[in-house]
Amino acid sequence: MKVLWFHSGVGATGGGFKAMLYTLNALRDRGVHLTVACTERSEVVQELEKRQYPVILCAQIRRWPTTVMMPATWSLSGLKNLITWILTWRSSVNAARGIIQGVKPDIVHLNMSPLVPAAMAAVREKIPVVWHVREELNTRKIPIEASLNLRAIRDLASYVVTVNEENLQQFGEMSNATVIYDSVFFEEFDRGIDGRDFRRSIGCSDDNILVGVLNHVAWIKGTIVFARAAKLCLQEETKLIFINVGEHDTPSQSWQQSMKRRIAKALRVPRYVERVLREIEEEQARGQFIFVDPLIDVRLALAALDILVFPAMTSHSPLPVIESAAMAKPVVASDWPAVREIITHSRNGLLFQPGDHVALAEAILQLARNSELRVGMGENNYEMAVQRFDLRKNIKKVISIYQRVLATE
């Protein structure tokens, strides 16, 4: 079986890419022949090539601007995205068709909702499409584009895979759709991994309680909420240490970003990362709030943590929560529908109102002050993960979908 995956995104440490990579590795172990087409040259391409996957770069393919990460239609950036896509959609489809014609796959697997041109191309080439929906399509902020994206997925996909029930509900009644949660190899995410070397590397002793997030610094990830909660916690418990594993000052990747930074600097408007740094300036100087460079392999960092925090400002699939569950860690997370599918409050973690840094601080302190509670919630989290997030079990469902769509073509 030959499968061509399409991926759009630049971050090799992002949840969408990492979840795809885990799946690709499992599929390759099962003998599936894989090629990956990427729409941007970035560390994603480098990571795939390092792992000896055939990679095709095609920057001509534009994604449909519809997810929660995209700017609103009525904003200048949102309007620009829409106009750009309208002007380039034909060339995007043709570029995707060229890739499909060259690879001659049995199946095209799309790793993101906005990859509409690749779906159109596959249908024109009479290749079945398995469409992985990892995002909430934002019908509130970008109503027209999101509605069209939903319709495209319903009309063009041979089969739809969502990563949680919330995303599945976007499509209403569909017989050719199912939920397969993002998953990890339990052999790799071994709860017995020793994290003491990682703790020592950041100056964290065995007596400290290490609390961390695995996200880049961004509003959507709730970084400033985490920073403000850390300040409150450290007023009560000085033995706590907080870490943020991920990009904390991403370099400008385009002339538009550089221009925005220059304008913000001229107007003396602080960027989001600068606001975060100001919040924890004293704590950072004391070594109680530490930024750690992004890690593709987060296992040592997870092994070192006592508590994982997921302070997201929107509902989306929380891969760090899944990874931490596989390593028996308790979680404090924003109370979103996608999170509630994983975390049951007071059983395997604690939930708090998104954006409420006071509630987050109270939840962290509750776990920090009770080691038995941390261990118990971590064990419950692990038991849940074994049932739901074992990649060796879930990859059988992906293979079954491939076989089903091939049998019906």
Protein backbone atom coordinates (compact mmCIF):
# COMPACT_ATOMS: atom_id res chain seq x y z
CA MET A 1 0.00 0.00 0.00
CA LYS A 2 1.38 3.40 -1.02
CA VAL A 3 0.15 6.48 0.88
CA LEU A 4 0.94 10.13 0.14
CA TRP A 5 0.59 12.42 3.18
CA PHE A 6 0.17 16.17 2.79
CA HIS A 7 1.26 18.37 5.70
CA SER A 8 1.09 22.15 6.17
CA GLY A 9 3.05 23.75 8.99
CA VAL A 10 6.53 24.86 9.98
CA GLY A 11 6.92 23.73 13.58
CA ALA A 12 8.64 20.39 14.16
CA THR A 13 7.67 20.56 17.84
CA GLY A 14 4.01 21.39 17.17
CA GLY A 15 1.31 18.91 18.09
CA GLY A 16 0.00 18.49 14.54
CA PHE A 17 3.39 17.47 13.15
CA LYS A 18 4.40 15.32 16.11
CA ALA A 19 1.10 13.43 16.05
CA MET A 20 1.61 12.84 12.32
CA LEU A 21 5.19 11.70 12.89
CA TYR A 22 4.15 9.16 15.52
CA THR A 23 1.55 7.81 13.08
CA LEU A 24 3.99 7.71 10.16
CA ASN A 25 6.47 5.72 12.23
CA ALA A 26 3.79 3.20 13.18
CA LEU A 27 2.58 2.89 9.58
CA ARG A 28 6.12 2.34 8.32
CA ASP A 29 6.55 -0.41 10.91
CA ARG A 30 3.47 -2.05 9.40
CA GLY A 31 4.98 -2.01 5.90
CA VAL A 32 3.07 0.96 4.43
CA HIS A 33 5.07 2.86 1.77
CA LEU A 34 4.98 6.55 2.65
CA THR A 35 5.79 9.86 0.97
CA VAL A 36 5.20 13.23 2.64
CA ALA A 37 4.46 16.45 0.74
CA CYS A 38 5.15 19.61 2.77
CA THR A 39 3.92 23.08 1.81
CA GLU A 40 6.73 24.95 3.62
CA ARG A 41 10.47 24.45 3.89
CA SER A 42 11.23 24.33 7.58
CA GLU A 43 12.55 22.14 10.36
CA VAL A 44 9.60 19.83 9.62
CA VAL A 45 11.20 18.87 6.32
CA GLN A 46 14.59 18.47 7.99
CA GLU A 47 13.16 16.21 10.68
CA LEU A 48 11.37 14.00 8.14
CA GLU A 49 14.47 13.73 5.97
CA LYS A 50 16.58 12.89 9.01
CA ARG A 51 14.22 9.99 9.63
CA GLN A 52 14.62 8.96 5.96
CA TYR A 53 11.10 9.70 4.77
CA PRO A 54 10.77 10.67 1.10
CA VAL A 55 9.78 14.35 1.22
CA ILE A 56 8.41 16.56 -1.55
CA LEU A 57 8.43 20.30 -1.03
CA CYS A 58 5.65 22.24 -2.74
CA ALA A 59 5.32 25.84 -1.63
CA GLN A 60 2.75 26.56 -4.36
CA ILE A 61 0.03 24.75 -2.38
CA ARG A 62 -1.94 27.25 -0.28
CA ARG A 63 -4.09 26.17 2.63
CA TRP A 64 -7.64 27.40 3.12
CA PRO A 65 -7.62 30.00 5.97
CA THR A 66 -10.18 28.49 8.34
CA THR A 67 -8.83 27.20 11.65
CA VAL A 68 -8.81 28.78 15.10
CA MET A 69 -5.21 29.81 14.48
CA MET A 70 -6.16 32.03 11.53
CA PRO A 71 -6.91 35.78 11.77
CA ALA A 72 -10.54 36.86 11.45
CA THR A 73 -11.92 37.56 7.97
CA TRP A 74 -12.61 41.20 8.82
CA SER A 75 -8.99 41.82 9.88
CA LEU A 76 -6.40 43.06 7.40
CA SER A 77 -4.43 39.80 7.67
CA GLY A 78 -7.58 37.71 7.33
CA LEU A 79 -8.72 39.57 4.24
CA LYS A 80 -5.25 39.22 2.73
CA ASN A 81 -5.29 35.45 3.36
CA LEU A 82 -8.68 35.12 1.68
CA ILE A 83 -7.70 37.16 -1.39
CA THR A 84 -4.41 35.28 -1.73
CA TRP A 85 -6.17 31.94 -1.61
CA ILE A 86 -8.76 32.96 -4.22
CA LEU A 87 -6.02 34.14 -6.58
CA THR A 88 -3.89 31.04 -6.14
CA TRP A 89 -6.33 28.18 -5.69
CA ARG A 90 -6.07 26.96 -9.29
CA SER A 91 -2.26 26.88 -9.22
CA SER A 92 -2.42 25.17 -5.81
CA VAL A 93 -4.65 22.42 -7.14
CA ASN A 94 -2.44 21.96 -10.21
CA ALA A 95 0.69 21.76 -8.05
CA ALA A 96 -0.92 19.08 -5.87
CA ARG A 97 -2.03 17.16 -8.97
CA GLY A 98 1.55 17.18 -10.22
CA ILE A 99 2.76 15.63 -6.98
CA ILE A 100 0.02 12.98 -7.02
CA GLN A 101 0.75 12.09 -10.63
CA GLY A 102 4.43 11.68 -9.80
CA VAL A 103 3.98 9.55 -6.68
CA LYS A 104 0.98 7.53 -7.95
CA PRO A 105 -0.32 6.72 -4.44
CA ASP A 106 -3.15 4.38 -3.56
CA ILE A 107 -4.40 6.88 -0.94
CA VAL A 108 -3.92 10.57 -0.21
CA HIS A 109 -3.91 11.34 3.52
CA LEU A 110 -4.32 15.00 4.51
CA ASN A 111 -2.91 15.91 7.91
CA MET A 112 -4.72 19.26 8.26
CA SER A 113 -8.23 20.58 7.64
CA PRO A 114 -7.20 23.52 5.40
CA LEU A 115 -5.49 21.37 2.72
CA VAL A 116 -8.44 21.82 0.35
CA PRO A 117 -6.33 22.07 -2.87
CA ALA A 118 -4.73 18.68 -2.22
CA ALA A 119 -8.17 17.14 -1.72
CA MET A 120 -9.46 18.67 -4.97
CA ALA A 121 -6.39 17.37 -6.77
CA ALA A 122 -6.79 13.85 -5.40
CA VAL A 123 -10.45 13.67 -6.40
CA ARG A 124 -9.60 14.82 -9.93
CA GLU A 125 -6.94 12.12 -10.08
CA LYS A 126 -9.49 9.59 -8.77
CA ILE A 127 -7.43 8.85 -5.64
CA PRO A 128 -9.33 8.27 -2.35
CA VAL A 129 -8.82 10.89 0.35
CA VAL A 130 -8.48 10.21 4.07
CA TRP A 131 -8.81 13.60 5.74
CA HIS A 132 -7.39 14.05 9.26
CA VAL A 133 -9.23 16.88 11.02
CA ARG A 134 -7.09 18.12 13.92
CA GLU A 135 -8.67 21.54 14.30
CA GLU A 136 -11.89 23.27 15.16
CA LEU A 137 -12.99 25.10 12.02
CA ASN A 138 -13.82 28.57 13.26
CA THR A 139 -17.32 29.31 11.99
CA ARG A 140 -17.54 32.30 14.37
CA LYS A 141 -14.42 34.24 13.41
CA ILE A 142 -14.19 33.15 9.77
CA PRO A 143 -17.74 31.98 8.99
CA ILE A 144 -17.75 31.83 5.17
CA GLU A 145 -14.35 30.18 4.79
CA ALA A 146 -14.98 27.70 7.62
CA SER A 147 -18.37 26.72 6.21
CA LEU A 148 -16.83 26.13 2.79
CA ASN A 149 -14.03 24.10 4.38
CA LEU A 150 -16.57 21.93 6.20
CA ARG A 151 -18.46 21.37 2.97
CA ALA A 152 -15.24 20.52 1.11
CA ILE A 153 -14.33 17.91 3.71
CA ARG A 154 -17.80 16.37 3.60
CA ASP A 155 -17.90 16.30 -0.22
CA LEU A 156 -14.31 15.38 -1.09
CA ALA A 157 -13.19 13.00 1.65
CA SER A 158 -13.55 9.26 1.26
CA TYR A 159 -13.15 9.05 5.01
CA VAL A 160 -12.77 11.62 7.80
CA VAL A 161 -10.71 11.03 10.94
CA THR A 162 -11.03 13.49 13.81
CA VAL A 163 -8.87 13.59 16.94
CA ASN A 164 -11.75 14.18 19.36
CA GLU A 165 -15.53 14.10 19.58
CA GLU A 166 -15.75 17.89 19.51
CA ASN A 167 -14.21 18.03 16.04
CA LEU A 168 -16.41 15.17 14.83
CA GLN A 169 -19.56 17.04 15.88
CA GLN A 170 -18.70 19.83 13.44
CA PHE A 171 -19.80 17.56 10.59
CA GLY A 172 -23.15 16.40 11.89
CA GLU A 173 -24.26 12.96 10.77
CA MET A 174 -21.56 11.24 8.69
CA SER A 175 -21.26 7.50 8.12
CA ASN A 176 -17.70 7.83 6.82
CA ALA A 177 -16.18 9.56 9.86
CA THR A 178 -14.73 8.41 13.17
CA VAL A 179 -12.60 9.54 16.10
CA ILE A 180 -9.05 8.26 16.47
CA TYR A 181 -7.31 10.06 19.29
CA ASP A 182 -3.72 11.22 18.89
CA SER A 183 -1.54 8.49 20.33
CA VAL A 184 1.99 7.59 21.43
CA PHE A 185 4.20 4.52 21.57
CA PHE A 186 4.14 3.39 25.18
CA GLU A 187 7.46 1.65 24.59
CA GLU A 188 8.99 5.08 23.93
CA PHE A 189 6.98 7.16 26.40
CA ASP A 190 8.04 4.89 29.22
CA ARG A 191 6.92 6.04 32.65
CA GLY A 192 10.15 4.61 34.04
CA ILE A 193 12.40 7.13 32.24
CA ASP A 194 14.69 8.89 34.70
CA GLY A 195 14.29 12.67 34.56
CA ARG A 196 16.84 13.55 37.26
CA ASP A 197 19.56 14.57 34.78
CA PHE A 198 17.13 16.99 33.12
CA ARG A 199 16.16 18.42 36.50
CA ARG A 200 19.80 18.95 37.43
CA SER A 201 20.49 20.61 34.08
CA ILE A 202 18.02 23.39 34.95
CA GLY A 203 19.03 23.67 38.59
CA CYS A 204 16.05 21.77 39.97
CA SER A 205 16.75 19.64 43.05
CA ASP A 206 14.85 16.56 44.20
CA ASP A 207 13.11 18.74 46.80
CA ASN A 208 11.68 21.13 44.22
CA ILE A 209 8.27 20.66 42.61
CA LEU A 210 8.70 21.12 38.87
CA VAL A 211 5.70 22.53 37.01
CA GLY A 212 5.83 22.95 33.24
CA VAL A 213 4.14 23.60 29.93
CA LEU A 214 5.17 22.13 26.58
CA ASN A 215 4.13 24.95 24.26
CA HIS A 216 5.63 27.87 22.40
CA VAL A 217 4.97 31.32 23.82
CA ALA A 218 1.70 32.54 22.29
CA TRP A 219 -1.66 33.91 23.34
CA ILE A 220 -3.48 30.85 22.07
CA LYS A 221 -1.31 28.66 24.32
CA GLY A 222 -2.11 30.73 27.42
CA THR A 223 1.51 31.53 28.25
CA ILE A 224 0.78 34.76 30.09
CA VAL A 225 -1.88 32.98 32.17
CA PHE A 226 0.77 30.43 33.16
CA ALA A 227 3.27 33.19 33.97
CA ARG A 228 0.80 35.08 36.18
CA ALA A 229 -0.19 31.87 37.96
CA ALA A 230 3.49 31.11 38.56
CA LYS A 231 3.95 34.49 40.27
CA LEU A 232 1.05 33.80 42.61
CA CYS A 233 2.23 30.28 43.40
CA LEU A 234 5.76 31.42 44.22
CA GLN A 235 4.39 33.88 46.76
CA GLU A 236 3.03 30.86 48.63
CA GLU A 237 5.53 28.08 47.88
CA THR A 238 9.16 28.91 47.14
CA LYS A 239 10.08 25.28 46.45
CA LEU A 240 8.23 25.42 43.11
CA ILE A 241 10.10 25.81 39.83
CA PHE A 242 8.26 26.62 36.57
CA ILE A 243 9.48 25.82 33.06
CA ASN A 244 8.23 26.64 29.57
CA VAL A 245 9.52 24.17 26.99
CA GLY A 246 9.16 25.69 23.51
CA GLU A 247 9.91 28.68 21.33
CA HIS A 248 9.84 31.83 23.43
CA ASP A 249 10.99 34.41 20.90
CA THR A 250 10.41 33.07 17.42
CA PRO A 251 12.48 34.89 14.76
CA SER A 252 10.64 36.78 12.02
CA GLN A 253 9.89 34.41 9.15
CA SER A 254 8.63 36.92 6.60
CA TRP A 255 8.92 40.58 5.68
CA GLN A 256 5.39 41.11 7.03
CA GLN A 257 6.43 39.85 10.46
CA SER A 258 9.56 42.00 10.41
CA MET A 259 7.48 45.03 9.46
CA LYS A 260 5.00 44.37 12.27
CA ARG A 261 7.84 44.17 14.76
CA ARG A 262 9.36 47.43 13.57
CA ILE A 263 5.99 49.20 13.76
CA ALA A 264 5.32 47.79 17.25
CA LYS A 265 8.76 48.90 18.40
CA ALA A 266 8.28 52.39 16.95
CA LEU A 267 4.90 52.72 18.67
CA ARG A 268 6.32 51.21 21.86
CA VAL A 269 3.70 48.48 21.86
CA PRO A 270 5.17 45.41 23.60
CA ARG A 271 4.96 42.11 21.78
CA TYR A 272 3.27 39.18 23.52
CA VAL A 273 6.57 37.54 24.44
CA GLU A 274 7.78 40.82 25.95
CA ARG A 275 4.63 41.03 28.09
CA VAL A 276 5.26 37.48 29.31
CA LEU A 277 8.89 38.23 30.15
CA ARG A 278 7.88 41.33 32.10
CA GLU A 279 5.45 39.27 34.18
CA ILE A 280 8.12 36.87 35.42
CA GLU A 281 11.24 39.04 35.23
CA GLU A 282 12.09 38.64 38.93
CA GLU A 283 11.19 34.95 39.01
CA GLN A 284 13.34 34.30 35.95
CA ALA A 285 16.28 36.11 37.55
CA ARG A 286 15.96 33.89 40.65
CA GLY A 287 15.90 30.72 38.52
CA GLN A 288 12.30 29.95 39.46
CA PHE A 289 10.89 30.43 35.95
CA ILE A 290 12.99 28.88 33.20
CA PHE A 291 12.63 28.89 29.42
CA VAL A 292 13.83 25.68 27.76
CA ASP A 293 14.48 25.54 24.02
CA PRO A 294 11.92 23.53 22.01
CA LEU A 295 12.34 19.76 22.05
CA ILE A 296 11.09 17.32 19.45
CA ASP A 297 11.72 14.52 21.93
CA VAL A 298 10.06 15.71 25.14
CA ARG A 299 10.34 12.48 27.11
CA LEU A 300 13.14 13.59 29.43
CA ALA A 301 11.36 16.86 30.14
CA LEU A 302 8.12 15.02 30.91
CA ALA A 303 9.94 12.53 33.11
CA ALA A 304 11.35 15.45 35.10
CA LEU A 305 7.99 17.16 35.65
CA ASP A 306 5.85 16.76 38.73
CA ILE A 307 2.88 18.59 37.19
CA LEU A 308 2.04 19.36 33.56
CA VAL A 309 -0.03 22.46 32.79
CA PHE A 310 -2.07 22.99 29.62
CA PRO A 311 -3.42 26.57 29.84
CA ALA A 312 -4.84 26.81 26.28
CA MET A 313 -7.06 29.74 25.34
CA THR A 314 -8.97 27.77 22.68
CA SER A 315 -10.21 24.21 22.43
CA HIS A 316 -7.83 21.97 20.49
CA SER A 317 -6.29 18.53 20.70
CA PRO A 318 -3.87 18.60 23.66
CA LEU A 319 -0.99 16.35 22.62
CA PRO A 320 1.15 17.36 25.65
CA VAL A 321 -1.66 16.10 27.90
CA ILE A 322 -1.67 12.77 26.04
CA GLU A 323 2.13 12.47 26.23
CA SER A 324 2.13 13.26 29.96
CA ALA A 325 -0.68 10.76 30.60
CA ALA A 326 1.45 8.02 29.02
CA MET A 327 4.13 8.87 31.60
CA ALA A 328 1.73 8.90 34.56
CA LYS A 329 1.85 12.64 35.22
CA PRO A 330 -1.02 14.65 36.75
CA VAL A 331 -2.36 17.53 34.67
CA VAL A 332 -3.84 20.97 35.29
CA ALA A 333 -5.64 22.11 32.14
CA SER A 334 -8.04 24.67 30.72
CA ASP A 335 -11.62 23.45 30.84
CA TRP A 336 -12.36 23.02 27.13
CA PRO A 337 -14.51 20.30 25.49
CA ALA A 338 -11.47 18.65 23.82
CA VAL A 339 -9.68 18.56 27.19
CA ARG A 340 -12.71 17.18 29.06
CA GLU A 341 -12.61 14.16 26.76
CA ILE A 342 -9.27 13.31 28.39
CA ILE A 343 -9.21 14.88 31.85
CA THR A 344 -11.91 14.12 34.41
CA HIS A 345 -11.73 16.79 37.08
CA SER A 346 -10.33 15.50 40.40
CA ARG A 347 -9.69 12.03 38.95
CA ASN A 348 -6.71 12.29 36.61
CA GLY A 349 -6.19 16.04 36.73
CA LEU A 350 -7.68 19.40 37.60
CA LEU A 351 -9.58 21.72 35.26
CA PHE A 352 -9.81 25.50 35.53
CA GLN A 353 -11.66 28.25 33.70
CA PRO A 354 -9.59 29.27 30.63
CA GLY A 355 -7.74 32.52 31.23
CA ASP A 356 -8.25 32.51 35.01
CA HIS A 357 -4.69 32.63 36.38
CA VAL A 358 -5.92 32.72 39.99
CA ALA A 359 -7.82 29.44 39.54
CA LEU A 360 -4.80 27.95 37.78
CA ALA A 361 -2.53 28.95 40.68
CA GLU A 362 -4.93 27.40 43.20
CA ALA A 363 -5.00 24.12 41.23
CA ILE A 364 -1.19 23.99 40.98
CA LEU A 365 -0.82 24.65 44.70
CA GLN A 366 -3.38 21.96 45.52
CA LEU A 367 -1.28 19.36 43.69
CA ALA A 368 2.07 20.77 44.81
CA ARG A 369 1.11 20.44 48.47
CA ASN A 370 -0.14 16.86 48.24
CA SER A 371 2.27 14.25 46.85
CA GLU A 372 -0.27 11.43 47.31
CA LEU A 373 -2.80 13.33 45.23
CA ARG A 374 -0.20 13.87 42.47
CA VAL A 375 0.72 10.20 42.39
CA GLY A 376 -2.89 9.06 42.46
CA MET A 377 -3.98 11.35 39.63
CA GLY A 378 -0.90 10.34 37.65
CA GLU A 379 -1.81 6.65 38.00
CA ASN A 380 -5.39 7.33 36.92
CA ASN A 381 -4.08 9.30 33.96
CA TYR A 382 -1.85 6.41 32.94
CA GLU A 383 -4.69 3.87 33.15
CA MET A 384 -6.85 6.07 30.94
CA ALA A 385 -4.00 6.56 28.44
CA VAL A 386 -3.38 2.81 28.09
CA GLN A 387 -6.99 2.33 27.02
CA ARG A 388 -7.26 5.29 24.65
CA PHE A 389 -3.86 6.51 23.44
CA ASP A 390 -1.82 3.38 22.69
CA LEU A 391 -0.53 3.94 19.16
CA ARG A 392 -0.16 0.23 18.43
CA LYS A 393 -3.88 -0.20 19.04
CA ASN A 394 -4.99 2.94 17.21
CA ILE A 395 -2.83 2.37 14.15
CA LYS A 396 -4.91 -0.73 13.42
CA LYS A 397 -7.91 1.58 13.04
CA VAL A 398 -6.01 3.72 10.50
CA ILE A 399 -5.00 0.64 8.50
CA SER A 400 -8.61 -0.57 8.60
CA ILE A 401 -9.80 2.77 7.17
CA TYR A 402 -7.23 2.53 4.37
CA GLN A 403 -8.42 -0.96 3.50
CA ARG A 404 -12.06 0.13 3.62
CA VAL A 405 -11.65 3.09 1.25
CA LEU A 406 -9.59 1.02 -1.19
CA ALA A 407 -12.23 -1.70 -1.17
CA THR A 408 -15.01 0.76 -2.05
CA GLU A 409 -13.17 2.56 -4.89
